[in-house]
Amino acid sequence: MQEQYASHLHLLMRVASLVLLIACANIANLLLVRGMARRAELSLRTALGAMPVRIVRQLLTESVVLASMGGIAGLAVAYAGTRMLLEMAFPGAKSVPVHASPSVTVIGFACGLSLLTGVLFGVAPA
């Protein structure tokens, strides 16, 4: 079965990676807009004597936490969506020939991309 559907599965994996990249770009855009909206707050903190390192650390921590939560939520939605698609493809089957469990490579890629997005776009407004 793997040989028969290998090209289709690779295409599906590429499409899923593209959707993940689009989701990360949307989160990055939201983080940038959020950072720009907080410009007055950051200016006031700097004027009151806050250390720039502390401000950058706060922004970085917030963005990494948000990006990590988004990555985990994305993995959960992807897993549930995969299970749903398999149930639709094989209705009433007691034994589905394809397993929907994500591989370590996919989980690592998703977590790494989420972390990279959080770091890059958390430091950018600072």
C-alpha atoms as a PDB file:
ATOM      1  CA  MET A   1       0.000   0.000   0.000  1.00  0.00           C
ATOM      2  CA  GLN A   2       2.925   2.354   0.707  1.00  0.00           C
ATOM      3  CA  GLU A   3       4.328   1.936  -2.795  1.00  0.00           C
ATOM      4  CA  GLN A   4       0.933   2.496  -4.363  1.00  0.00           C
ATOM      5  CA  TYR A   5       0.188   5.754  -2.504  1.00  0.00           C
ATOM      6  CA  ALA A   6       3.726   7.059  -1.900  1.00  0.00           C
ATOM      7  CA  SER A   7       3.511   9.991  -4.314  1.00  0.00           C
ATOM      8  CA  HIS A   8       0.091  11.013  -2.984  1.00  0.00           C
ATOM      9  CA  LEU A   9       1.295  10.856   0.607  1.00  0.00           C
ATOM     10  CA  HIS A  10       4.356  12.985  -0.196  1.00  0.00           C
ATOM     11  CA  LEU A  11       2.097  15.553  -1.830  1.00  0.00           C
ATOM     12  CA  LEU A  12      -0.161  15.517   1.227  1.00  0.00           C
ATOM     13  CA  MET A  13       2.870  16.004   3.477  1.00  0.00           C
ATOM     14  CA  ARG A  14       4.018  18.989   1.408  1.00  0.00           C
ATOM     15  CA  VAL A  15       0.569  20.547   1.536  1.00  0.00           C
ATOM     16  CA  ALA A  16       0.403  20.040   5.309  1.00  0.00           C
ATOM     17  CA  SER A  17       3.829  21.687   5.679  1.00  0.00           C
ATOM     18  CA  LEU A  18       2.647  24.614   3.586  1.00  0.00           C
ATOM     19  CA  VAL A  19      -0.452  25.018   5.753  1.00  0.00           C
ATOM     20  CA  LEU A  20       1.756  24.942   8.855  1.00  0.00           C
ATOM     21  CA  LEU A  21       3.990  27.644   7.382  1.00  0.00           C
ATOM     22  CA  ILE A  22       0.946  29.788   6.559  1.00  0.00           C
ATOM     23  CA  ALA A  23      -0.349  29.378  10.113  1.00  0.00           C
ATOM     24  CA  CYS A  24       3.044  30.389  11.508  1.00  0.00           C
ATOM     25  CA  ALA A  25       3.100  33.429   9.236  1.00  0.00           C
ATOM     26  CA  ASN A  26      -0.342  34.437  10.509  1.00  0.00           C
ATOM     27  CA  ILE A  27       0.787  34.086  14.120  1.00  0.00           C
ATOM     28  CA  ALA A  28       3.924  36.080  13.323  1.00  0.00           C
ATOM     29  CA  ASN A  29       1.801  38.820  11.786  1.00  0.00           C
ATOM     30  CA  LEU A  30      -0.390  38.929  14.893  1.00  0.00           C
ATOM     31  CA  LEU A  31       2.686  39.136  17.117  1.00  0.00           C
ATOM     32  CA  LEU A  32       4.095  42.024  15.065  1.00  0.00           C
ATOM     33  CA  VAL A  33       0.807  43.940  15.187  1.00  0.00           C
ATOM     34  CA  ARG A  34       0.571  43.310  18.918  1.00  0.00           C
ATOM     35  CA  GLY A  35       4.102  44.614  19.374  1.00  0.00           C
ATOM     36  CA  MET A  36       3.368  47.745  17.394  1.00  0.00           C
ATOM     37  CA  ALA A  37       0.216  48.363  19.429  1.00  0.00           C
ATOM     38  CA  ARG A  38       2.304  48.218  22.604  1.00  0.00           C
ATOM     39  CA  ARG A  39       4.761  50.832  21.353  1.00  0.00           C
ATOM     40  CA  ALA A  40       3.439  53.523  23.721  1.00  0.00           C
ATOM     41  CA  GLU A  41       3.691  51.174  26.708  1.00  0.00           C
ATOM     42  CA  LEU A  42       7.271  50.262  25.843  1.00  0.00           C
ATOM     43  CA  SER A  43       8.219  53.909  25.387  1.00  0.00           C
ATOM     44  CA  LEU A  44       6.753  54.733  28.792  1.00  0.00           C
ATOM     45  CA  ARG A  45       8.615  51.864  30.458  1.00  0.00           C
ATOM     46  CA  THR A  46      11.873  52.996  28.872  1.00  0.00           C
ATOM     47  CA  ALA A  47      11.247  56.589  29.985  1.00  0.00           C
ATOM     48  CA  LEU A  48      10.620  55.402  33.539  1.00  0.00           C
ATOM     49  CA  GLY A  49      13.984  53.640  33.580  1.00  0.00           C
ATOM     50  CA  ALA A  50      13.294  50.024  32.672  1.00  0.00           C
ATOM     51  CA  MET A  51      16.330  48.218  31.372  1.00  0.00           C
ATOM     52  CA  PRO A  52      16.091  47.444  27.642  1.00  0.00           C
ATOM     53  CA  VAL A  53      17.245  43.878  28.304  1.00  0.00           C
ATOM     54  CA  ARG A  54      14.301  43.325  30.629  1.00  0.00           C
ATOM     55  CA  ILE A  55      11.824  44.668  28.063  1.00  0.00           C
ATOM     56  CA  VAL A  56      13.260  42.431  25.346  1.00  0.00           C
ATOM     57  CA  ARG A  57      13.165  39.447  27.722  1.00  0.00           C
ATOM     58  CA  GLN A  58       9.495  40.115  28.539  1.00  0.00           C
ATOM     59  CA  LEU A  59       8.514  40.426  24.875  1.00  0.00           C
ATOM     60  CA  LEU A  60      10.501  37.330  23.971  1.00  0.00           C
ATOM     61  CA  THR A  61       8.940  35.279  26.758  1.00  0.00           C
ATOM     62  CA  GLU A  62       5.411  36.321  25.820  1.00  0.00           C
ATOM     63  CA  SER A  63       5.881  35.595  22.139  1.00  0.00           C
ATOM     64  CA  VAL A  64       7.573  32.206  22.694  1.00  0.00           C
ATOM     65  CA  VAL A  65       4.781  31.111  25.044  1.00  0.00           C
ATOM     66  CA  LEU A  66       2.113  32.207  22.550  1.00  0.00           C
ATOM     67  CA  ALA A  67       3.891  30.569  19.634  1.00  0.00           C
ATOM     68  CA  SER A  68       4.389  27.336  21.588  1.00  0.00           C
ATOM     69  CA  MET A  69       0.725  27.213  22.539  1.00  0.00           C
ATOM     70  CA  GLY A  70      -0.192  27.838  18.904  1.00  0.00           C
ATOM     71  CA  GLY A  71       2.120  25.045  17.757  1.00  0.00           C
ATOM     72  CA  ILE A  72       0.652  22.590  20.258  1.00  0.00           C
ATOM     73  CA  ALA A  73      -2.887  23.564  19.276  1.00  0.00           C
ATOM     74  CA  GLY A  74      -1.960  23.165  15.609  1.00  0.00           C
ATOM     75  CA  LEU A  75      -0.585  19.678  16.217  1.00  0.00           C
ATOM     76  CA  ALA A  76      -3.756  18.726  18.085  1.00  0.00           C
ATOM     77  CA  VAL A  77      -5.977  20.011  15.272  1.00  0.00           C
ATOM     78  CA  ALA A  78      -3.829  18.244  12.679  1.00  0.00           C
ATOM     79  CA  TYR A  79      -4.035  14.950  14.565  1.00  0.00           C
ATOM     80  CA  ALA A  80      -7.813  15.238  15.014  1.00  0.00           C
ATOM     81  CA  GLY A  81      -8.244  16.237  11.370  1.00  0.00           C
ATOM     82  CA  THR A  82      -6.186  13.279  10.222  1.00  0.00           C
ATOM     83  CA  ARG A  83      -8.291  10.918  12.302  1.00  0.00           C
ATOM     84  CA  MET A  84     -11.456  12.477  10.890  1.00  0.00           C
ATOM     85  CA  LEU A  85     -10.208  12.137   7.303  1.00  0.00           C
ATOM     86  CA  LEU A  86      -9.312   8.494   7.884  1.00  0.00           C
ATOM     87  CA  GLU A  87     -12.753   7.816   9.335  1.00  0.00           C
ATOM     88  CA  MET A  88     -14.323   9.452   6.277  1.00  0.00           C
ATOM     89  CA  ALA A  89     -12.083   7.505   3.888  1.00  0.00           C
ATOM     90  CA  PHE A  90     -12.700   4.146   5.570  1.00  0.00           C
ATOM     91  CA  PRO A  91     -16.238   4.339   6.999  1.00  0.00           C
ATOM     92  CA  GLY A  92     -17.117   1.568   9.425  1.00  0.00           C
ATOM     93  CA  ALA A  93     -13.744  -0.148   9.100  1.00  0.00           C
ATOM     94  CA  LYS A  94     -12.589  -1.943  12.230  1.00  0.00           C
ATOM     95  CA  SER A  95      -8.972  -1.896  11.100  1.00  0.00           C
ATOM     96  CA  VAL A  96      -7.809   1.194   9.239  1.00  0.00           C
ATOM     97  CA  PRO A  97      -4.730   0.399   7.096  1.00  0.00           C
ATOM     98  CA  VAL A  98      -3.125   3.817   7.744  1.00  0.00           C
ATOM     99  CA  HIS A  99      -2.059   4.983  11.208  1.00  0.00           C
ATOM    100  CA  ALA A 100      -2.672   8.624  12.091  1.00  0.00           C
ATOM    101  CA  SER A 101      -0.031   8.949  14.768  1.00  0.00           C
ATOM    102  CA  PRO A 102       2.410  11.772  13.979  1.00  0.00           C
ATOM    103  CA  SER A 103       6.072  10.924  13.623  1.00  0.00           C
ATOM    104  CA  VAL A 104       8.836  12.392  15.755  1.00  0.00           C
ATOM    105  CA  THR A 105      10.108  14.273  12.690  1.00  0.00           C
ATOM    106  CA  VAL A 106       6.772  16.024  12.184  1.00  0.00           C
ATOM    107  CA  ILE A 107       6.447  16.927  15.848  1.00  0.00           C
ATOM    108  CA  GLY A 108      10.032  18.214  15.917  1.00  0.00           C
ATOM    109  CA  PHE A 109       9.513  20.286  12.777  1.00  0.00           C
ATOM    110  CA  ALA A 110       6.296  21.814  14.119  1.00  0.00           C
ATOM    111  CA  CYS A 111       7.786  22.612  17.526  1.00  0.00           C
ATOM    112  CA  GLY A 112      10.974  24.003  16.005  1.00  0.00           C
ATOM    113  CA  LEU A 113       9.086  26.183  13.564  1.00  0.00           C
ATOM    114  CA  SER A 114       6.807  27.486  16.324  1.00  0.00           C
ATOM    115  CA  LEU A 115       9.785  28.291  18.526  1.00  0.00           C
ATOM    116  CA  LEU A 116      11.634  30.006  15.680  1.00  0.00           C
ATOM    117  CA  THR A 117       8.545  32.061  14.847  1.00  0.00           C
ATOM    118  CA  GLY A 118       8.161  33.110  18.475  1.00  0.00           C
ATOM    119  CA  VAL A 119      11.801  34.136  18.802  1.00  0.00           C
ATOM    120  CA  LEU A 120      12.040  36.024  15.516  1.00  0.00           C
ATOM    121  CA  PHE A 121       8.797  37.928  15.802  1.00  0.00           C
ATOM    122  CA  GLY A 122       9.038  38.462  19.541  1.00  0.00           C
ATOM    123  CA  VAL A 123      12.345  40.268  19.267  1.00  0.00           C
ATOM    124  CA  ALA A 124      11.354  42.257  16.169  1.00  0.00           C
ATOM    125  CA  PRO A 125       9.054  44.763  17.958  1.00  0.00           C
ATOM    126  CA  ALA A 126      11.648  45.283  20.681  1.00  0.00           C
END
